[in-house]
Amino acid sequence: MVRIIGEQTLYNWRNKAREQGRPVPGNKSTPEQWSAEAKLATVIETGSMSEAELSEYCRERGLYVEQVKAWKAESLKGFASSREQELEAKRQRKTDRKEIKQLKRELREKEKALAETAALLVLRKKLDALWENDDEDD
């Protein structure tokens, strides 16, 4: 006796399993098209399994052991690149701090030079004014 299960019933079962945190395929037809969350959930769920348990798990869900291993490798690579990005950001912050310090030093030097030039101009005007007064007195 063959029982036919309605399509809506299958959708309901899938949604309930998803709510329980089980990795289930979405609307995609192949496991490679699953969402990143479903792939990560599969990696987490199979992380502590032996080879035999993993093989059985994969057979039940229509997966290949190689797929799960590839997803695990991709996850680890993502974590590694996250660490590398963190280190790169740290290096960039250090470089930025050095550059800011250098620019502030240059700005102080230029402000001093500008103040000195302004003082020299004021003195020059006073000196010119004195010479003009001396010329008028003669």
N, C-alpha and C. Protein backbone atom coordinates (compact mmCIF):
# COMPACT_ATOMS: atom_id res chain seq x y z
N MET A 1 0.84 -1.18 0.00
CA MET A 1 0.00 0.00 0.00
C MET A 1 0.90 1.26 0.00
N VAL A 2 0.72 2.09 -0.97
CA VAL A 2 1.50 3.30 -1.14
C VAL A 2 0.67 4.48 -0.65
N ARG A 3 1.29 5.24 0.22
CA ARG A 3 0.60 6.44 0.71
C ARG A 3 1.19 7.65 0.02
N ILE A 4 0.36 8.52 -0.36
CA ILE A 4 0.82 9.76 -0.99
C ILE A 4 0.72 10.87 0.05
N ILE A 5 1.86 11.54 0.25
CA ILE A 5 1.90 12.64 1.20
C ILE A 5 1.78 13.94 0.42
N GLY A 6 0.90 14.77 0.89
CA GLY A 6 0.66 16.03 0.21
C GLY A 6 1.87 16.95 0.27
N GLU A 7 1.99 17.77 -0.73
CA GLU A 7 3.12 18.69 -0.82
C GLU A 7 3.14 19.66 0.36
N GLN A 8 1.96 20.13 0.76
CA GLN A 8 1.88 21.08 1.87
C GLN A 8 2.36 20.42 3.17
N THR A 9 2.04 19.15 3.34
CA THR A 9 2.49 18.42 4.53
C THR A 9 4.01 18.37 4.57
N LEU A 10 4.64 18.13 3.44
CA LEU A 10 6.10 18.10 3.38
C LEU A 10 6.69 19.47 3.73
N TYR A 11 6.07 20.53 3.22
CA TYR A 11 6.54 21.87 3.54
C TYR A 11 6.42 22.14 5.04
N ASN A 12 5.29 21.71 5.62
CA ASN A 12 5.09 21.91 7.06
C ASN A 12 6.14 21.16 7.87
N TRP A 13 6.42 19.91 7.48
CA TRP A 13 7.44 19.12 8.18
C TRP A 13 8.80 19.80 8.08
N ARG A 14 9.13 20.29 6.89
CA ARG A 14 10.41 20.95 6.70
C ARG A 14 10.50 22.21 7.57
N ASN A 15 9.44 23.00 7.60
CA ASN A 15 9.46 24.22 8.40
C ASN A 15 9.58 23.93 9.88
N LYS A 16 8.90 22.87 10.37
CA LYS A 16 9.01 22.49 11.78
C LYS A 16 10.44 22.05 12.10
N ALA A 17 11.03 21.28 11.21
CA ALA A 17 12.41 20.83 11.42
C ALA A 17 13.36 22.02 11.44
N ARG A 18 13.13 22.99 10.58
CA ARG A 18 13.97 24.20 10.53
C ARG A 18 13.83 24.98 11.82
N GLU A 19 12.61 25.08 12.35
CA GLU A 19 12.38 25.79 13.61
C GLU A 19 13.08 25.12 14.78
N GLN A 20 13.25 23.80 14.70
CA GLN A 20 13.94 23.06 15.74
C GLN A 20 15.46 23.16 15.59
N GLY A 21 15.91 23.84 14.57
CA GLY A 21 17.33 24.05 14.36
C GLY A 21 18.01 22.95 13.56
N ARG A 22 17.24 22.10 12.95
CA ARG A 22 17.83 21.05 12.14
C ARG A 22 18.19 21.60 10.76
N PRO A 23 19.30 21.15 10.22
CA PRO A 23 19.66 21.60 8.86
C PRO A 23 18.79 20.91 7.82
N VAL A 24 18.02 21.69 7.14
CA VAL A 24 17.17 21.14 6.09
C VAL A 24 17.33 22.00 4.85
N PRO A 25 17.13 21.40 3.69
CA PRO A 25 17.25 22.21 2.48
C PRO A 25 16.14 23.24 2.41
N GLY A 26 16.44 24.32 1.74
CA GLY A 26 15.43 25.34 1.52
C GLY A 26 14.63 24.99 0.28
N ASN A 27 14.35 25.98 -0.51
CA ASN A 27 13.61 25.75 -1.75
C ASN A 27 14.54 25.33 -2.88
N LYS A 28 15.82 25.20 -2.57
CA LYS A 28 16.81 24.85 -3.58
C LYS A 28 16.81 23.34 -3.79
N SER A 29 17.09 22.93 -4.99
CA SER A 29 16.99 21.51 -5.33
C SER A 29 18.23 20.71 -4.93
N THR A 30 19.41 21.32 -4.95
CA THR A 30 20.62 20.57 -4.62
C THR A 30 21.26 21.14 -3.36
N PRO A 31 21.98 20.30 -2.60
CA PRO A 31 22.62 20.79 -1.37
C PRO A 31 23.60 21.92 -1.60
N GLU A 32 24.23 21.97 -2.77
CA GLU A 32 25.17 23.05 -3.05
C GLU A 32 24.46 24.40 -3.12
N GLN A 33 23.16 24.38 -3.32
CA GLN A 33 22.39 25.62 -3.40
C GLN A 33 21.76 25.98 -2.06
N TRP A 34 22.02 25.19 -1.02
CA TRP A 34 21.47 25.48 0.30
C TRP A 34 22.01 26.82 0.79
N SER A 35 21.31 27.40 1.74
CA SER A 35 21.78 28.66 2.31
C SER A 35 23.02 28.40 3.15
N ALA A 36 23.75 29.45 3.41
CA ALA A 36 24.96 29.33 4.23
C ALA A 36 24.62 28.84 5.63
N GLU A 37 23.46 29.26 6.15
CA GLU A 37 23.05 28.85 7.48
C GLU A 37 22.81 27.34 7.53
N ALA A 38 22.16 26.79 6.50
CA ALA A 38 21.89 25.36 6.46
C ALA A 38 23.19 24.57 6.35
N LYS A 39 24.11 25.07 5.56
CA LYS A 39 25.41 24.39 5.42
C LYS A 39 26.17 24.42 6.74
N LEU A 40 26.19 25.58 7.39
CA LEU A 40 26.90 25.70 8.67
C LEU A 40 26.25 24.81 9.72
N ALA A 41 24.93 24.76 9.75
CA ALA A 41 24.23 23.90 10.70
C ALA A 41 24.60 22.44 10.47
N THR A 42 24.74 22.05 9.22
CA THR A 42 25.14 20.67 8.89
C THR A 42 26.55 20.42 9.39
N VAL A 43 27.45 21.36 9.18
CA VAL A 43 28.83 21.21 9.63
C VAL A 43 28.87 21.08 11.16
N ILE A 44 28.10 21.89 11.84
CA ILE A 44 28.08 21.85 13.30
C ILE A 44 27.51 20.52 13.79
N GLU A 45 26.42 20.11 13.17
CA GLU A 45 25.77 18.87 13.58
C GLU A 45 26.66 17.66 13.35
N THR A 46 27.46 17.67 12.31
CA THR A 46 28.29 16.52 11.97
C THR A 46 29.70 16.63 12.53
N GLY A 47 30.00 17.70 13.21
CA GLY A 47 31.36 17.94 13.68
C GLY A 47 31.92 16.86 14.58
N SER A 48 31.10 16.28 15.43
CA SER A 48 31.61 15.28 16.38
C SER A 48 31.35 13.85 15.93
N MET A 49 30.89 13.66 14.71
CA MET A 49 30.55 12.32 14.23
C MET A 49 31.79 11.60 13.71
N SER A 50 31.76 10.27 13.85
CA SER A 50 32.81 9.45 13.26
C SER A 50 32.54 9.34 11.75
N GLU A 51 33.48 8.74 11.03
CA GLU A 51 33.31 8.57 9.58
C GLU A 51 32.04 7.76 9.27
N ALA A 52 31.82 6.70 10.03
CA ALA A 52 30.65 5.85 9.78
C ALA A 52 29.36 6.61 10.05
N GLU A 53 29.33 7.36 11.16
CA GLU A 53 28.13 8.14 11.49
C GLU A 53 27.90 9.23 10.44
N LEU A 54 28.99 9.84 10.00
CA LEU A 54 28.88 10.88 8.98
C LEU A 54 28.34 10.30 7.68
N SER A 55 28.84 9.14 7.31
CA SER A 55 28.35 8.50 6.08
C SER A 55 26.87 8.20 6.17
N GLU A 56 26.44 7.69 7.31
CA GLU A 56 25.01 7.38 7.49
C GLU A 56 24.18 8.66 7.46
N TYR A 57 24.67 9.69 8.13
CA TYR A 57 23.98 10.98 8.14
C TYR A 57 23.80 11.51 6.72
N CYS A 58 24.87 11.42 5.94
CA CYS A 58 24.83 11.93 4.58
C CYS A 58 23.86 11.11 3.71
N ARG A 59 23.87 9.81 3.87
CA ARG A 59 22.94 8.97 3.09
C ARG A 59 21.50 9.34 3.39
N GLU A 60 21.19 9.58 4.68
CA GLU A 60 19.82 9.91 5.08
C GLU A 60 19.36 11.22 4.47
N ARG A 61 20.29 12.14 4.25
CA ARG A 61 19.91 13.48 3.79
C ARG A 61 20.27 13.74 2.33
N GLY A 62 20.77 12.73 1.66
CA GLY A 62 21.09 12.90 0.25
C GLY A 62 22.31 13.75 0.01
N LEU A 63 23.26 13.67 0.92
CA LEU A 63 24.49 14.45 0.81
C LEU A 63 25.66 13.52 0.52
N TYR A 64 26.77 14.12 0.15
CA TYR A 64 28.02 13.40 0.02
C TYR A 64 28.94 13.82 1.15
N VAL A 65 29.71 12.88 1.65
CA VAL A 65 30.65 13.18 2.74
C VAL A 65 31.60 14.29 2.29
N GLU A 66 32.00 14.25 1.03
CA GLU A 66 32.93 15.27 0.52
C GLU A 66 32.31 16.66 0.58
N GLN A 67 31.00 16.75 0.36
CA GLN A 67 30.33 18.05 0.43
C GLN A 67 30.44 18.62 1.83
N VAL A 68 30.13 17.78 2.81
CA VAL A 68 30.16 18.24 4.20
C VAL A 68 31.59 18.64 4.59
N LYS A 69 32.56 17.85 4.16
CA LYS A 69 33.96 18.19 4.46
C LYS A 69 34.37 19.49 3.78
N ALA A 70 33.89 19.69 2.55
CA ALA A 70 34.19 20.94 1.85
C ALA A 70 33.55 22.13 2.56
N TRP A 71 32.33 21.95 3.03
CA TRP A 71 31.65 23.04 3.76
C TRP A 71 32.40 23.35 5.04
N LYS A 72 32.92 22.31 5.71
CA LYS A 72 33.68 22.53 6.93
C LYS A 72 34.95 23.32 6.62
N ALA A 73 35.63 22.93 5.55
CA ALA A 73 36.86 23.63 5.16
C ALA A 73 36.56 25.10 4.82
N GLU A 74 35.46 25.33 4.12
CA GLU A 74 35.08 26.71 3.77
C GLU A 74 34.78 27.52 5.03
N SER A 75 34.12 26.89 6.00
CA SER A 75 33.81 27.58 7.26
C SER A 75 35.09 27.96 7.97
N LEU A 76 36.03 27.01 8.06
CA LEU A 76 37.30 27.30 8.72
C LEU A 76 38.08 28.38 7.99
N LYS A 77 38.02 28.34 6.66
CA LYS A 77 38.70 29.36 5.86
C LYS A 77 38.09 30.73 6.13
N GLY A 78 36.77 30.75 6.29
CA GLY A 78 36.09 32.01 6.61
C GLY A 78 36.54 32.56 7.94
N PHE A 79 36.70 31.67 8.93
CA PHE A 79 37.18 32.12 10.23
C PHE A 79 38.61 32.61 10.14
N ALA A 80 39.42 31.91 9.36
CA ALA A 80 40.83 32.31 9.19
C ALA A 80 40.91 33.67 8.51
N SER A 81 40.10 33.86 7.47
CA SER A 81 40.15 35.16 6.78
C SER A 81 39.61 36.26 7.69
N SER A 82 38.69 35.91 8.56
CA SER A 82 38.19 36.88 9.53
C SER A 82 39.32 37.32 10.45
N ARG A 83 40.13 36.37 10.89
CA ARG A 83 41.28 36.66 11.74
C ARG A 83 42.30 37.51 10.98
N GLU A 84 42.53 37.15 9.72
CA GLU A 84 43.46 37.92 8.90
C GLU A 84 42.97 39.35 8.71
N GLN A 85 41.67 39.51 8.51
CA GLN A 85 41.10 40.84 8.35
C GLN A 85 41.27 41.65 9.63
N GLU A 86 41.12 40.97 10.77
CA GLU A 86 41.30 41.63 12.06
C GLU A 86 42.74 42.12 12.21
N LEU A 87 43.70 41.26 11.86
CA LEU A 87 45.10 41.63 11.95
C LEU A 87 45.43 42.77 10.99
N GLU A 88 44.87 42.70 9.79
CA GLU A 88 45.10 43.76 8.80
C GLU A 88 44.52 45.09 9.30
N ALA A 89 43.35 45.05 9.91
CA ALA A 89 42.75 46.27 10.46
C ALA A 89 43.62 46.83 11.58
N LYS A 90 44.19 45.95 12.39
CA LYS A 90 45.06 46.39 13.47
C LYS A 90 46.31 47.06 12.90
N ARG A 91 46.90 46.45 11.87
CA ARG A 91 48.07 47.04 11.22
C ARG A 91 47.73 48.40 10.61
N GLN A 92 46.56 48.48 9.99
CA GLN A 92 46.13 49.72 9.36
C GLN A 92 45.94 50.82 10.41
N ARG A 93 45.35 50.47 11.55
CA ARG A 93 45.17 51.45 12.62
C ARG A 93 46.53 51.97 13.10
N LYS A 94 47.50 51.06 13.24
CA LYS A 94 48.83 51.46 13.68
C LYS A 94 49.47 52.40 12.66
N THR A 95 49.35 52.05 11.39
CA THR A 95 49.89 52.90 10.33
C THR A 95 49.20 54.26 10.33
N ASP A 96 47.88 54.26 10.50
CA ASP A 96 47.13 55.52 10.53
C ASP A 96 47.57 56.39 11.70
N ARG A 97 47.78 55.76 12.87
CA ARG A 97 48.23 56.54 14.04
C ARG A 97 49.58 57.19 13.77
N LYS A 98 50.50 56.42 13.16
CA LYS A 98 51.82 56.99 12.83
C LYS A 98 51.69 58.15 11.87
N GLU A 99 50.84 57.97 10.85
CA GLU A 99 50.67 59.03 9.86
C GLU A 99 50.04 60.27 10.49
N ILE A 100 49.07 60.07 11.36
CA ILE A 100 48.44 61.22 12.04
C ILE A 100 49.46 61.95 12.90
N LYS A 101 50.30 61.18 13.61
CA LYS A 101 51.34 61.79 14.45
C LYS A 101 52.29 62.61 13.59
N GLN A 102 52.71 62.06 12.46
CA GLN A 102 53.62 62.76 11.54
C GLN A 102 52.96 64.03 11.00
N LEU A 103 51.70 63.93 10.60
CA LEU A 103 51.00 65.09 10.06
C LEU A 103 50.82 66.18 11.11
N LYS A 104 50.55 65.79 12.36
CA LYS A 104 50.43 66.77 13.43
C LYS A 104 51.76 67.48 13.67
N ARG A 105 52.86 66.70 13.62
CA ARG A 105 54.18 67.29 13.79
C ARG A 105 54.45 68.31 12.68
N GLU A 106 54.15 67.91 11.44
CA GLU A 106 54.35 68.82 10.31
C GLU A 106 53.48 70.06 10.45
N LEU A 107 52.26 69.89 10.91
CA LEU A 107 51.36 71.03 11.08
C LEU A 107 51.90 71.99 12.13
N ARG A 108 52.41 71.45 13.25
CA ARG A 108 53.00 72.33 14.28
C ARG A 108 54.19 73.11 13.72
N GLU A 109 55.04 72.41 12.94
CA GLU A 109 56.20 73.09 12.36
C GLU A 109 55.77 74.20 11.41
N LYS A 110 54.75 73.92 10.61
CA LYS A 110 54.28 74.93 9.66
C LYS A 110 53.61 76.10 10.38
N GLU A 111 52.89 75.80 11.46
CA GLU A 111 52.28 76.88 12.23
C GLU A 111 53.35 77.76 12.85
N LYS A 112 54.43 77.14 13.36
CA LYS A 112 55.54 77.92 13.92
C LYS A 112 56.18 78.79 12.85
N ALA A 113 56.40 78.20 11.67
CA ALA A 113 57.01 78.96 10.58
C ALA A 113 56.10 80.11 10.16
N LEU A 114 54.81 79.85 10.12
CA LEU A 114 53.85 80.90 9.76
C LEU A 114 53.84 82.01 10.81
N ALA A 115 53.86 81.62 12.09
CA ALA A 115 53.89 82.63 13.16
C ALA A 115 55.18 83.45 13.08
N GLU A 116 56.28 82.78 12.80
CA GLU A 116 57.56 83.49 12.67
C GLU A 116 57.53 84.46 11.49
N THR A 117 56.97 84.01 10.38
CA THR A 117 56.87 84.87 9.20
C THR A 117 55.97 86.07 9.48
N ALA A 118 54.86 85.82 10.17
CA ALA A 118 53.96 86.92 10.52
C ALA A 118 54.67 87.92 11.43
N ALA A 119 55.43 87.41 12.40
CA ALA A 119 56.18 88.30 13.30
C ALA A 119 57.21 89.12 12.53
N LEU A 120 57.89 88.46 11.58
CA LEU A 120 58.88 89.18 10.77
C LEU A 120 58.22 90.26 9.92
N LEU A 121 57.04 89.97 9.39
CA LEU A 121 56.33 90.98 8.61
C LEU A 121 55.93 92.17 9.46
N VAL A 122 55.47 91.89 10.68
CA VAL A 122 55.09 92.98 11.58
C VAL A 122 56.32 93.83 11.90
N LEU A 123 57.43 93.16 12.20
CA LEU A 123 58.67 93.90 12.49
C LEU A 123 59.12 94.70 11.28
N ARG A 124 58.97 94.12 10.11
CA ARG A 124 59.38 94.80 8.88
C ARG A 124 58.55 96.07 8.68
N LYS A 125 57.23 95.96 8.92
CA LYS A 125 56.37 97.15 8.78
C LYS A 125 56.76 98.22 9.79
N LYS A 126 57.07 97.79 11.02
CA LYS A 126 57.48 98.76 12.03
C LYS A 126 58.80 99.43 11.63
N LEU A 127 59.71 98.62 11.13
CA LEU A 127 60.99 99.16 10.69
C LEU A 127 60.79 100.13 9.52
N ASP A 128 59.95 99.75 8.57
CA ASP A 128 59.66 100.65 7.45
C ASP A 128 59.01 101.94 7.95
N ALA A 129 58.11 101.80 8.91
CA ALA A 129 57.46 102.98 9.46
C ALA A 129 58.49 103.88 10.15
N LEU A 130 59.43 103.30 10.86
CA LEU A 130 60.49 104.09 11.51
C LEU A 130 61.35 104.81 10.49
N TRP A 131 61.72 104.15 9.41
CA TRP A 131 62.54 104.77 8.38
C TRP A 131 61.81 105.91 7.71
N GLU A 132 60.50 105.74 7.52
CA GLU A 132 59.73 106.81 6.91
C GLU A 132 59.67 108.01 7.82
N ASN A 133 59.51 107.75 9.11
CA ASN A 133 59.48 108.87 10.08
C ASN A 133 60.83 109.58 10.12
N ASP A 134 61.92 108.82 10.06
CA ASP A 134 63.26 109.44 10.08
C ASP A 134 63.47 110.27 8.82
N ASP A 135 63.00 109.83 7.68
CA ASP A 135 63.14 110.58 6.42
C ASP A 135 62.34 111.87 6.48
N GLU A 136 61.20 111.88 7.12
CA GLU A 136 60.36 113.07 7.19
C GLU A 136 60.98 114.10 8.13
N ASP A 137 61.66 113.64 9.16
CA ASP A 137 62.29 114.53 10.12
C ASP A 137 63.48 115.26 9.51
N ASP A 138 64.13 114.68 8.54
CA ASP A 138 65.32 115.29 7.95
C ASP A 138 64.96 116.41 7.10
